[in-house]
Amino acid sequence: MSTDTRPADRTGRTDGTRLGVVALTGVVVGSMVGAGIFSIPQNMAAGPAAPGALLVGWAVTGVGMLALALTFQFLGRRAADTHGGLYGYARDGFGPMPATLVAWGYWISAWLGDLAYLVLIFSTLGLFWEVFGDGTTWVSTLGGTVVLWGYAALLLRGVREASAVNVVVTVAKLVPILVFLVVGVMAFDPAVFTVDLWGRQEDLGPVFDQVRAMMLVTVWAFLGIEGATVFARRARRDGDVGRATVMGFALVLTLLVAVNLLAAGILTRPELTDLQDPSLAGVLEAVVGRWGAVLISVGLLVSVGGAFLAWQLLCAEILASTARAGGLPRMLGEEPRPGVPRRAILLTTAVLQVALVWAHFRGAAYYDVILMSGSMMLVPYLVSSLYALRLAARGGGGGGTAVVFTGVSTVYALWLLYAGGLSYLLMSSVFYAVGLVAHAWTRREQGRPVLRGWEVALAAGIVVAAGWAAVGLLTGGLQV
């Protein structure tokens, strides 16, 4: 609860919280640039995607993600009274069961993202000590367990985040990236970039397929875009929000594209594919020597270590806020003390612990986990885009412009589902089938019908797809 007693303007913003467009843009950039940028060179090369396909893929991503950012901004304004975020949009647009599944998918994506960061932390240490390997060795798993439960203990004590930590995290992220950009521009070799521009020498297949292959990685790179507009309440003027969203998005896109393309002009695609994550460390080391790898690695460790508390809290908050809005069992929303959803924290941490052990036995490296995390966000993105398109088409504000960008966002979300492929769609259905159990529990707890009308057909389709996926996993016919 705020204790600020300074006078507020007519919008309810106090003098100390109002930000101009430049400051607001900086906040948006800081919230959107994640640790994924440190691994983008290898992740894109492993797609596989040749440099020419990267250019096409980033162009598609730029248009689609901008439309998605504007769509969430539109929802933040036009559906401001909707409680529960993505859950609330889905509930108001499509009913209780799809809403619960959207929140469930968002939660799965979030804790898979946390799993990816744990693997990345120890993969980074593995660059210097072999015992940590690619982040999934037994030593890494034990280390990840200590980190996971240590942060959970802090959350249970009511610790959330400190502004001083946020400053350190932001500097730790941006300084190594800026150093790489300066060095990368000087080391960029057009001959390396164009040696196999479209992947024909390596027989990587049609450019269309290469672009498809990189899409889930771009989703991971921009994961969190749905929250970029939460800073609207801190804007000095309402018009600053839209400008800051566009400018912040453009800067983040520029950073991602620059890092990716410069790396492709320093090392060839096969060389990039062979790098261990964080691959940006390997690229910089190839140019300046060992200190380059150390700089990137230290920056990443400080960045991820400092921000992991907030990420773990986000997972718990998704469960708790959905439970309070009536979409999950009540116990997940209970707070023994303000701001501490104890059961949601414990459930998230326990699931992450199981996933951490699974990653060890499965040998699921960082790249494998981020693809699954990205795929779980596709349904929430699609449902939110469809709801926004319906609002815009029914005169919800924004005129024809809103119809255009919400329409583009919807088409883009459908494209991402297609690009992700059948394997990830089937794997997602397994998680959503578990979400159906959570939905049934919630509805019975409320004394309401579990399924209504068309929800029966949707639930049946999810169960069939999950069964298909289970058979495929057991027989080896489904590989993800």
Protein backbone atom coordinates (compact mmCIF):
# COMPACT_ATOMS: atom_id res chain seq x y z
CA MET A 1 0.00 0.00 0.00
CA SER A 2 1.37 3.38 -0.97
CA THR A 3 2.09 5.90 1.77
CA ASP A 4 2.61 8.77 -0.66
CA THR A 5 0.64 11.81 0.50
CA ARG A 6 1.77 14.26 -2.17
CA PRO A 7 -0.92 15.99 -4.22
CA ALA A 8 -2.23 14.04 -7.17
CA ASP A 9 -3.29 15.50 -10.50
CA ARG A 10 -6.69 14.85 -12.05
CA THR A 11 -5.50 11.48 -13.38
CA GLY A 12 -4.64 10.34 -9.86
CA ARG A 13 -0.86 10.35 -10.47
CA THR A 14 1.31 11.94 -7.82
CA ASP A 15 4.15 14.23 -8.79
CA GLY A 16 6.73 11.68 -7.68
CA THR A 17 5.42 8.88 -9.86
CA ARG A 18 4.88 10.69 -13.16
CA LEU A 19 7.29 9.89 -15.97
CA GLY A 20 7.84 11.64 -19.27
CA VAL A 21 8.07 9.79 -22.56
CA VAL A 22 11.88 9.37 -22.41
CA ALA A 23 11.91 8.01 -18.86
CA LEU A 24 8.89 5.83 -19.58
CA THR A 25 10.63 4.43 -22.66
CA GLY A 26 13.62 3.51 -20.49
CA VAL A 27 11.38 1.66 -18.04
CA VAL A 28 9.72 -0.25 -20.89
CA VAL A 29 13.10 -1.23 -22.37
CA GLY A 30 14.37 -2.38 -18.99
CA SER A 31 11.31 -4.57 -18.48
CA MET A 32 11.45 -6.14 -21.95
CA VAL A 33 15.16 -6.93 -22.33
CA GLY A 34 15.63 -10.31 -20.70
CA ALA A 35 18.47 -12.78 -20.40
CA GLY A 36 17.39 -14.36 -23.69
CA ILE A 37 19.42 -11.84 -25.68
CA PHE A 38 22.62 -13.39 -24.28
CA SER A 39 21.80 -16.68 -26.05
CA ILE A 40 20.14 -15.45 -29.23
CA PRO A 41 23.11 -16.17 -31.59
CA GLN A 42 23.18 -19.92 -30.93
CA ASN A 43 19.43 -20.30 -30.52
CA MET A 44 18.71 -18.77 -33.93
CA ALA A 45 21.52 -20.62 -35.68
CA ALA A 46 20.30 -23.93 -34.25
CA GLY A 47 16.83 -23.34 -35.72
CA PRO A 48 18.35 -23.71 -38.26
CA ALA A 49 18.21 -20.27 -39.87
CA ALA A 50 20.76 -18.80 -42.28
CA PRO A 51 21.53 -15.03 -42.17
CA GLY A 52 19.11 -14.23 -45.00
CA ALA A 53 16.28 -16.05 -43.23
CA LEU A 54 17.12 -14.13 -40.07
CA LEU A 55 16.45 -10.87 -41.89
CA VAL A 56 13.06 -12.09 -43.07
CA GLY A 57 12.16 -13.62 -39.71
CA TRP A 58 12.99 -10.50 -37.73
CA ALA A 59 10.93 -8.39 -40.14
CA VAL A 60 7.91 -10.65 -39.54
CA THR A 61 8.56 -10.57 -35.80
CA GLY A 62 8.87 -6.80 -35.76
CA VAL A 63 5.45 -6.27 -37.34
CA GLY A 64 3.74 -9.01 -35.34
CA MET A 65 5.17 -8.18 -31.93
CA LEU A 66 4.50 -4.47 -32.36
CA ALA A 67 0.87 -5.28 -33.15
CA LEU A 68 0.78 -7.51 -30.06
CA ALA A 69 2.25 -4.77 -27.86
CA LEU A 70 -0.32 -2.27 -29.16
CA THR A 71 -3.06 -4.84 -28.59
CA PHE A 72 -2.16 -5.27 -24.92
CA GLN A 73 -1.95 -1.50 -24.59
CA PHE A 74 -5.44 -1.27 -26.13
CA LEU A 75 -6.77 -3.88 -23.69
CA GLY A 76 -5.18 -2.04 -20.79
CA ARG A 77 -7.16 1.07 -21.73
CA ARG A 78 -10.46 -0.37 -23.00
CA ALA A 79 -10.75 -3.24 -20.53
CA ALA A 80 -9.31 -1.43 -17.52
CA ASP A 81 -12.12 -2.69 -15.27
CA THR A 82 -11.39 -6.32 -16.13
CA HIS A 83 -9.81 -8.12 -13.17
CA GLY A 84 -7.27 -10.91 -13.54
CA GLY A 85 -5.24 -9.73 -16.56
CA LEU A 86 -5.11 -12.35 -19.31
CA TYR A 87 -7.55 -14.50 -17.32
CA GLY A 88 -10.02 -11.62 -17.17
CA TYR A 89 -9.82 -10.92 -20.91
CA ALA A 90 -10.46 -14.58 -21.73
CA ARG A 91 -13.31 -14.86 -19.20
CA ASP A 92 -15.12 -11.79 -20.51
CA GLY A 93 -14.60 -12.84 -24.10
CA PHE A 94 -15.03 -16.61 -24.07
CA GLY A 95 -16.20 -17.88 -20.69
CA PRO A 96 -14.80 -19.52 -17.54
CA MET A 97 -13.14 -22.66 -18.92
CA PRO A 98 -11.06 -20.98 -21.68
CA ALA A 99 -10.15 -18.29 -19.15
CA THR A 100 -8.78 -20.82 -16.67
CA LEU A 101 -6.82 -22.53 -19.44
CA VAL A 102 -5.34 -19.20 -20.57
CA ALA A 103 -4.17 -18.42 -17.04
CA TRP A 104 -2.91 -22.00 -16.68
CA GLY A 105 -0.93 -21.75 -19.91
CA TYR A 106 0.50 -18.40 -18.83
CA TRP A 107 1.61 -19.94 -15.53
CA ILE A 108 3.19 -22.96 -17.26
CA SER A 109 5.05 -20.65 -19.64
CA ALA A 110 6.26 -18.52 -16.72
CA TRP A 111 7.66 -21.37 -14.62
CA LEU A 112 9.22 -22.97 -17.70
CA GLY A 113 10.90 -19.60 -18.19
CA ASP A 114 12.18 -19.79 -14.62
CA LEU A 115 13.46 -23.30 -15.34
CA ALA A 116 15.26 -21.99 -18.42
CA TYR A 117 16.95 -19.32 -16.33
CA LEU A 118 18.10 -21.85 -13.73
CA VAL A 119 19.59 -24.00 -16.49
CA LEU A 120 21.20 -20.92 -18.05
CA ILE A 121 22.80 -19.86 -14.76
CA PHE A 122 24.62 -23.17 -14.42
CA SER A 123 25.33 -23.46 -18.13
CA THR A 124 27.12 -20.12 -17.76
CA LEU A 125 29.14 -21.47 -14.85
CA GLY A 126 29.87 -24.50 -17.05
CA LEU A 127 31.88 -22.25 -19.35
CA PHE A 128 34.46 -22.04 -16.56
CA TRP A 129 33.94 -25.24 -14.55
CA GLU A 130 33.19 -28.43 -16.46
CA VAL A 131 31.34 -29.97 -13.53
CA PHE A 132 28.34 -27.74 -14.35
CA GLY A 133 28.27 -28.84 -18.01
CA ASP A 134 25.33 -27.50 -20.00
CA GLY A 135 23.36 -26.70 -16.85
CA THR A 136 21.68 -30.11 -16.46
CA THR A 137 24.38 -32.17 -14.69
CA TRP A 138 23.74 -33.50 -11.19
CA VAL A 139 25.88 -30.73 -9.70
CA SER A 140 23.90 -28.13 -11.64
CA THR A 141 20.62 -29.73 -10.55
CA LEU A 142 21.66 -29.64 -6.89
CA GLY A 143 22.83 -26.05 -7.28
CA GLY A 144 19.56 -25.12 -8.96
CA THR A 145 17.66 -26.71 -6.08
CA VAL A 146 19.52 -24.57 -3.55
CA VAL A 147 18.86 -21.40 -5.58
CA LEU A 148 15.20 -22.28 -6.12
CA TRP A 149 14.32 -22.96 -2.49
CA GLY A 150 16.52 -20.12 -1.25
CA TYR A 151 14.53 -17.63 -3.29
CA ALA A 152 11.27 -19.32 -2.25
CA ALA A 153 12.24 -18.83 1.40
CA LEU A 154 12.76 -15.12 0.73
CA LEU A 155 9.33 -14.87 -0.91
CA LEU A 156 7.68 -16.65 2.00
CA ARG A 157 9.29 -14.12 4.34
CA GLY A 158 7.66 -11.32 2.37
CA VAL A 159 10.74 -10.15 0.46
CA ARG A 160 9.73 -8.98 -3.03
CA GLU A 161 12.31 -6.80 -4.74
CA ALA A 162 14.44 -3.74 -4.09
CA SER A 163 14.86 -0.76 -6.35
CA ALA A 164 18.62 -0.86 -5.79
CA VAL A 165 18.69 -4.42 -7.11
CA ASN A 166 16.72 -3.34 -10.18
CA VAL A 167 19.34 -0.71 -10.99
CA VAL A 168 22.17 -3.26 -10.70
CA VAL A 169 20.24 -5.76 -12.84
CA THR A 170 19.62 -3.19 -15.57
CA VAL A 171 23.28 -2.11 -15.69
CA ALA A 172 24.45 -5.75 -15.66
CA LYS A 173 22.25 -6.46 -18.69
CA LEU A 174 22.98 -3.43 -20.80
CA VAL A 175 26.72 -2.79 -20.31
CA PRO A 176 27.90 -6.17 -21.73
CA ILE A 177 25.41 -5.86 -24.61
CA LEU A 178 26.65 -2.37 -25.49
CA VAL A 179 30.27 -3.55 -25.32
CA PHE A 180 29.42 -6.38 -27.70
CA LEU A 181 27.69 -4.01 -30.12
CA VAL A 182 30.74 -1.74 -30.28
CA VAL A 183 33.15 -4.65 -30.72
CA GLY A 184 30.77 -6.44 -33.07
CA VAL A 185 30.50 -3.52 -35.47
CA MET A 186 34.30 -3.42 -35.77
CA ALA A 187 34.64 -7.21 -36.11
CA PHE A 188 31.71 -7.74 -38.50
CA ASP A 189 32.85 -9.43 -41.73
CA PRO A 190 30.41 -9.21 -44.68
CA ALA A 191 32.12 -12.24 -46.24
CA VAL A 192 31.22 -14.37 -43.22
CA PHE A 193 27.65 -13.05 -43.19
CA THR A 194 27.09 -13.81 -46.89
CA VAL A 195 29.10 -17.03 -47.22
CA ASP A 196 25.84 -19.01 -47.19
CA LEU A 197 23.22 -16.27 -47.03
CA TRP A 198 20.18 -18.46 -47.66
CA GLY A 199 21.47 -21.80 -46.36
CA ARG A 200 21.73 -23.45 -49.77
CA GLN A 201 25.27 -24.80 -49.25
CA GLU A 202 24.22 -26.48 -46.01
CA ASP A 203 20.90 -27.52 -47.55
CA LEU A 204 18.88 -25.96 -44.73
CA GLY A 205 15.71 -26.12 -46.78
CA PRO A 206 13.34 -23.41 -48.02
CA VAL A 207 13.62 -19.94 -46.47
CA PHE A 208 9.98 -20.27 -45.37
CA ASP A 209 10.85 -23.29 -43.23
CA GLN A 210 13.89 -21.53 -41.77
CA VAL A 211 11.75 -18.55 -40.78
CA ARG A 212 9.21 -20.89 -39.18
CA ALA A 213 11.99 -22.55 -37.21
CA MET A 214 13.06 -19.31 -35.54
CA MET A 215 9.60 -18.13 -34.47
CA LEU A 216 9.39 -19.79 -31.04
CA VAL A 217 12.79 -18.33 -30.16
CA THR A 218 11.51 -14.84 -30.99
CA VAL A 219 8.49 -15.45 -28.75
CA TRP A 220 10.87 -16.29 -25.92
CA ALA A 221 12.96 -13.19 -26.65
CA PHE A 222 9.88 -10.99 -26.25
CA LEU A 223 8.22 -12.95 -23.44
CA GLY A 224 6.81 -10.35 -21.07
CA ILE A 225 5.62 -8.01 -23.80
CA GLU A 226 2.13 -8.44 -22.35
CA GLY A 227 3.29 -6.60 -19.24
CA ALA A 228 5.11 -3.71 -20.90
CA THR A 229 2.07 -1.45 -20.68
CA VAL A 230 1.52 -1.85 -16.94
CA PHE A 231 3.57 1.32 -16.60
CA ALA A 232 0.69 3.36 -18.06
CA ARG A 233 -0.29 4.53 -14.58
CA ARG A 234 3.15 6.14 -14.21
CA ALA A 235 2.90 8.24 -17.38
CA ARG A 236 2.77 12.03 -17.17
CA ARG A 237 0.33 12.16 -20.07
CA ASP A 238 -1.86 9.43 -21.55
CA GLY A 239 -0.34 10.04 -24.99
CA ASP A 240 3.12 9.24 -23.62
CA VAL A 241 2.13 5.60 -23.08
CA GLY A 242 1.65 4.86 -26.77
CA ARG A 243 4.83 6.66 -27.78
CA ALA A 244 6.87 4.94 -25.07
CA THR A 245 5.50 1.53 -26.07
CA VAL A 246 6.45 2.02 -29.72
CA MET A 247 9.85 3.59 -28.96
CA GLY A 248 10.69 1.02 -26.29
CA PHE A 249 9.68 -1.85 -28.53
CA ALA A 250 11.73 -0.41 -31.41
CA LEU A 251 14.82 -0.14 -29.20
CA VAL A 252 14.45 -3.70 -27.90
CA LEU A 253 13.91 -5.04 -31.42
CA THR A 254 16.99 -3.12 -32.60
CA LEU A 255 19.11 -4.62 -29.81
CA LEU A 256 17.97 -8.17 -30.56
CA VAL A 257 18.42 -7.84 -34.32
CA ALA A 258 21.80 -6.13 -33.98
CA VAL A 259 23.16 -8.80 -31.62
CA ASN A 260 21.86 -11.61 -33.82
CA LEU A 261 23.08 -10.22 -37.16
CA LEU A 262 26.46 -9.02 -35.88
CA ALA A 263 27.11 -12.49 -34.45
CA ALA A 264 26.22 -13.99 -37.85
CA GLY A 265 28.90 -11.77 -39.39
CA ILE A 266 31.58 -12.85 -36.92
CA LEU A 267 31.11 -16.63 -36.82
CA THR A 268 29.51 -18.91 -39.40
CA ARG A 269 26.20 -20.64 -38.65
CA PRO A 270 27.82 -24.03 -37.85
CA GLU A 271 30.26 -22.29 -35.48
CA LEU A 272 27.41 -20.47 -33.75
CA THR A 273 25.41 -23.70 -33.44
CA ASP A 274 28.30 -25.38 -31.61
CA LEU A 275 28.52 -22.67 -28.94
CA GLN A 276 27.32 -23.35 -25.41
CA ASP A 277 24.81 -20.90 -23.95
CA PRO A 278 25.13 -18.06 -23.21
CA SER A 279 26.43 -18.05 -26.77
CA LEU A 280 27.07 -14.30 -26.81
CA ALA A 281 29.99 -15.04 -24.48
CA GLY A 282 31.51 -17.38 -27.06
CA VAL A 283 31.07 -14.86 -29.88
CA LEU A 284 32.73 -12.04 -27.94
CA GLU A 285 35.50 -14.39 -26.80
CA ALA A 286 36.22 -15.24 -30.45
CA VAL A 287 36.91 -11.54 -31.07
CA VAL A 288 38.64 -10.23 -27.94
CA GLY A 289 39.70 -13.30 -26.00
CA ARG A 290 38.74 -14.80 -22.65
CA TRP A 291 37.84 -11.51 -20.97
CA GLY A 292 34.93 -11.16 -23.39
CA ALA A 293 33.38 -14.40 -22.17
CA VAL A 294 33.94 -13.35 -18.56
CA LEU A 295 32.25 -9.97 -19.13
CA ILE A 296 29.15 -11.49 -20.73
CA SER A 297 28.96 -14.27 -18.14
CA VAL A 298 29.28 -11.99 -15.12
CA GLY A 299 26.70 -9.62 -16.58
CA LEU A 300 24.28 -12.47 -17.18
CA LEU A 301 24.76 -14.01 -13.72
CA VAL A 302 24.18 -10.70 -11.96
CA SER A 303 21.20 -9.95 -14.20
CA VAL A 304 19.50 -13.32 -13.79
CA GLY A 305 20.42 -13.72 -10.13
CA GLY A 306 19.07 -10.28 -9.29
CA ALA A 307 15.83 -10.64 -11.22
CA PHE A 308 15.00 -14.27 -10.39
CA LEU A 309 13.14 -13.27 -7.23
CA ALA A 310 10.70 -11.15 -9.25
CA TRP A 311 10.29 -13.90 -11.86
CA GLN A 312 9.50 -16.51 -9.23
CA LEU A 313 7.03 -14.12 -7.61
CA LEU A 314 5.39 -13.55 -11.01
CA CYS A 315 4.64 -17.27 -11.29
CA ALA A 316 2.99 -17.33 -7.87
CA GLU A 317 1.07 -14.12 -8.58
CA ILE A 318 -0.43 -15.60 -11.75
CA LEU A 319 -1.93 -18.43 -9.69
CA ALA A 320 -2.97 -16.20 -6.81
CA SER A 321 -4.60 -13.46 -8.90
CA THR A 322 -6.49 -16.03 -10.98
CA ALA A 323 -7.70 -17.77 -7.81
CA ARG A 324 -8.89 -14.47 -6.36
CA ALA A 325 -10.76 -13.78 -9.62
CA GLY A 326 -12.50 -17.17 -9.33
CA GLY A 327 -10.53 -19.10 -11.95
CA LEU A 328 -8.58 -21.50 -9.71
CA PRO A 329 -9.13 -23.08 -6.27
CA ARG A 330 -9.53 -20.50 -3.50
CA MET A 331 -6.62 -21.81 -1.45
CA LEU A 332 -4.12 -20.62 -4.09
CA GLY A 333 -5.22 -17.03 -3.57
CA GLU A 334 -4.97 -17.06 0.23
CA GLU A 335 -2.36 -14.76 1.75
CA PRO A 336 -1.42 -15.47 5.39
CA ARG A 337 0.28 -12.10 5.26
CA PRO A 338 -0.25 -9.32 2.68
CA GLY A 339 1.59 -9.96 -0.58
CA VAL A 340 2.58 -13.53 0.32
CA PRO A 341 0.39 -16.11 -1.51
CA ARG A 342 1.97 -18.98 0.42
CA ARG A 343 0.35 -21.95 -1.30
CA ALA A 344 0.89 -20.46 -4.76
CA ILE A 345 4.58 -19.94 -3.97
CA LEU A 346 4.98 -23.48 -2.64
CA LEU A 347 3.13 -25.08 -5.57
CA THR A 348 5.18 -23.14 -8.12
CA THR A 349 8.44 -24.01 -6.35
CA ALA A 350 7.52 -27.69 -6.05
CA VAL A 351 6.61 -27.92 -9.74
CA LEU A 352 9.86 -26.18 -10.66
CA GLN A 353 11.76 -28.68 -8.51
CA VAL A 354 10.22 -31.61 -10.37
CA ALA A 355 10.96 -29.91 -13.69
CA LEU A 356 14.57 -29.32 -12.66
CA VAL A 357 15.06 -33.03 -11.96
CA TRP A 358 13.25 -33.88 -15.22
CA ALA A 359 15.63 -31.57 -17.13
CA HIS A 360 18.56 -33.53 -15.71
CA PHE A 361 17.26 -36.96 -16.73
CA ARG A 362 15.88 -35.71 -20.04
CA GLY A 363 19.07 -33.76 -20.81
CA ALA A 364 16.82 -30.81 -21.65
CA ALA A 365 19.17 -27.90 -22.19
CA TYR A 366 18.23 -24.22 -22.16
CA TYR A 367 17.24 -24.22 -25.85
CA ASP A 368 14.74 -27.07 -25.38
CA VAL A 369 13.08 -25.38 -22.42
CA ILE A 370 12.67 -21.94 -24.02
CA LEU A 371 10.89 -23.45 -27.02
CA MET A 372 8.36 -25.13 -24.75
CA SER A 373 7.96 -21.95 -22.70
CA GLY A 374 7.34 -19.93 -25.84
CA SER A 375 4.82 -22.45 -27.17
CA MET A 376 2.75 -22.26 -23.96
CA MET A 377 2.26 -18.50 -24.44
CA LEU A 378 0.75 -18.87 -27.91
CA VAL A 379 -2.81 -19.68 -26.79
CA PRO A 380 -2.90 -16.80 -24.26
CA TYR A 381 -1.64 -14.44 -26.98
CA LEU A 382 -4.25 -15.69 -29.47
CA VAL A 383 -7.18 -15.49 -27.05
CA SER A 384 -6.20 -12.00 -25.90
CA SER A 385 -5.83 -10.84 -29.51
CA LEU A 386 -9.23 -12.26 -30.47
CA TYR A 387 -10.88 -10.53 -27.52
CA ALA A 388 -9.21 -7.23 -28.42
CA LEU A 389 -10.26 -7.59 -32.07
CA ARG A 390 -13.85 -8.16 -30.99
CA LEU A 391 -13.77 -5.09 -28.75
CA ALA A 392 -12.29 -2.95 -31.53
CA ALA A 393 -14.76 -4.22 -34.14
CA ARG A 394 -17.68 -3.43 -31.83
CA GLY A 395 -16.60 0.17 -31.38
CA GLY A 396 -14.57 -0.28 -28.22
CA GLY A 397 -12.45 2.74 -29.10
CA GLY A 398 -9.46 3.33 -31.32
CA GLY A 399 -11.45 3.34 -34.56
CA GLY A 400 -10.18 1.61 -37.67
CA THR A 401 -6.58 1.75 -36.45
CA ALA A 402 -7.42 -0.50 -33.51
CA VAL A 403 -9.16 -2.97 -35.81
CA VAL A 404 -6.02 -3.10 -37.96
CA PHE A 405 -3.45 -3.74 -35.25
CA THR A 406 -5.66 -6.15 -33.28
CA GLY A 407 -6.35 -7.96 -36.56
CA VAL A 408 -2.63 -8.16 -37.35
CA SER A 409 -1.99 -9.38 -33.80
CA THR A 410 -4.59 -12.14 -34.24
CA VAL A 411 -3.14 -13.26 -37.58
CA TYR A 412 0.35 -13.18 -36.07
CA ALA A 413 -0.73 -15.35 -33.12
CA LEU A 414 -2.25 -17.87 -35.54
CA TRP A 415 0.98 -17.82 -37.55
CA LEU A 416 2.98 -18.54 -34.39
CA LEU A 417 0.78 -21.55 -33.62
CA TYR A 418 1.41 -22.86 -37.13
CA ALA A 419 5.12 -22.06 -37.01
CA GLY A 420 5.53 -23.82 -33.67
CA GLY A 421 4.47 -27.06 -35.28
CA LEU A 422 2.31 -30.01 -34.33
CA SER A 423 4.77 -31.47 -31.80
CA TYR A 424 4.71 -28.44 -29.52
CA LEU A 425 0.96 -28.04 -29.95
CA LEU A 426 0.46 -31.64 -28.80
CA MET A 427 2.83 -31.18 -25.87
CA SER A 428 0.93 -28.05 -24.87
CA SER A 429 -2.29 -30.08 -24.80
CA VAL A 430 -0.81 -32.29 -22.06
CA PHE A 431 -0.37 -29.26 -19.82
CA TYR A 432 -3.82 -27.94 -20.73
CA ALA A 433 -5.37 -31.32 -19.90
CA VAL A 434 -4.01 -30.94 -16.36
CA GLY A 435 -5.50 -27.45 -16.40
CA LEU A 436 -8.91 -29.02 -17.05
CA VAL A 437 -8.58 -30.85 -13.73
CA ALA A 438 -7.85 -27.55 -11.98
CA HIS A 439 -10.89 -26.02 -13.70
CA ALA A 440 -13.15 -28.89 -12.61
CA TRP A 441 -11.91 -28.60 -9.02
CA THR A 442 -12.62 -24.86 -9.03
CA ARG A 443 -16.13 -25.14 -10.48
CA ARG A 444 -17.13 -27.88 -8.04
CA GLU A 445 -15.75 -25.80 -5.19
CA GLN A 446 -18.03 -22.98 -6.35
CA GLY A 447 -21.02 -25.29 -6.82
CA ARG A 448 -21.24 -24.50 -10.54
CA PRO A 449 -21.42 -26.71 -13.67
CA VAL A 450 -17.94 -27.81 -14.75
CA LEU A 451 -18.55 -27.45 -18.49
CA ARG A 452 -21.14 -25.53 -20.46
CA GLY A 453 -22.18 -25.88 -24.10
CA TRP A 454 -19.28 -25.74 -26.51
CA GLU A 455 -16.77 -26.14 -23.64
CA VAL A 456 -17.55 -29.89 -23.69
CA ALA A 457 -16.26 -30.20 -27.27
CA LEU A 458 -13.18 -28.10 -26.47
CA ALA A 459 -12.36 -30.20 -23.40
CA ALA A 460 -12.81 -33.41 -25.40
CA GLY A 461 -10.45 -32.14 -28.08
CA ILE A 462 -7.80 -31.27 -25.50
CA VAL A 463 -8.06 -34.70 -23.86
CA VAL A 464 -7.77 -36.48 -27.23
CA ALA A 465 -4.73 -34.38 -28.19
CA ALA A 466 -3.13 -35.02 -24.80
CA GLY A 467 -3.69 -38.76 -25.21
CA TRP A 468 -2.12 -38.62 -28.67
CA ALA A 469 0.86 -36.77 -27.20
CA ALA A 470 1.22 -39.26 -24.34
CA VAL A 471 1.29 -42.21 -26.75
CA GLY A 472 3.81 -40.39 -28.92
CA LEU A 473 6.08 -39.68 -25.97
CA LEU A 474 5.93 -43.29 -24.75
CA THR A 475 6.61 -44.78 -28.20
CA GLY A 476 9.19 -42.18 -29.22
CA GLY A 477 7.00 -40.95 -32.05
CA LEU A 478 6.76 -37.46 -30.56
CA GLN A 479 10.04 -35.59 -30.25
CA VAL A 480 10.30 -32.11 -28.72
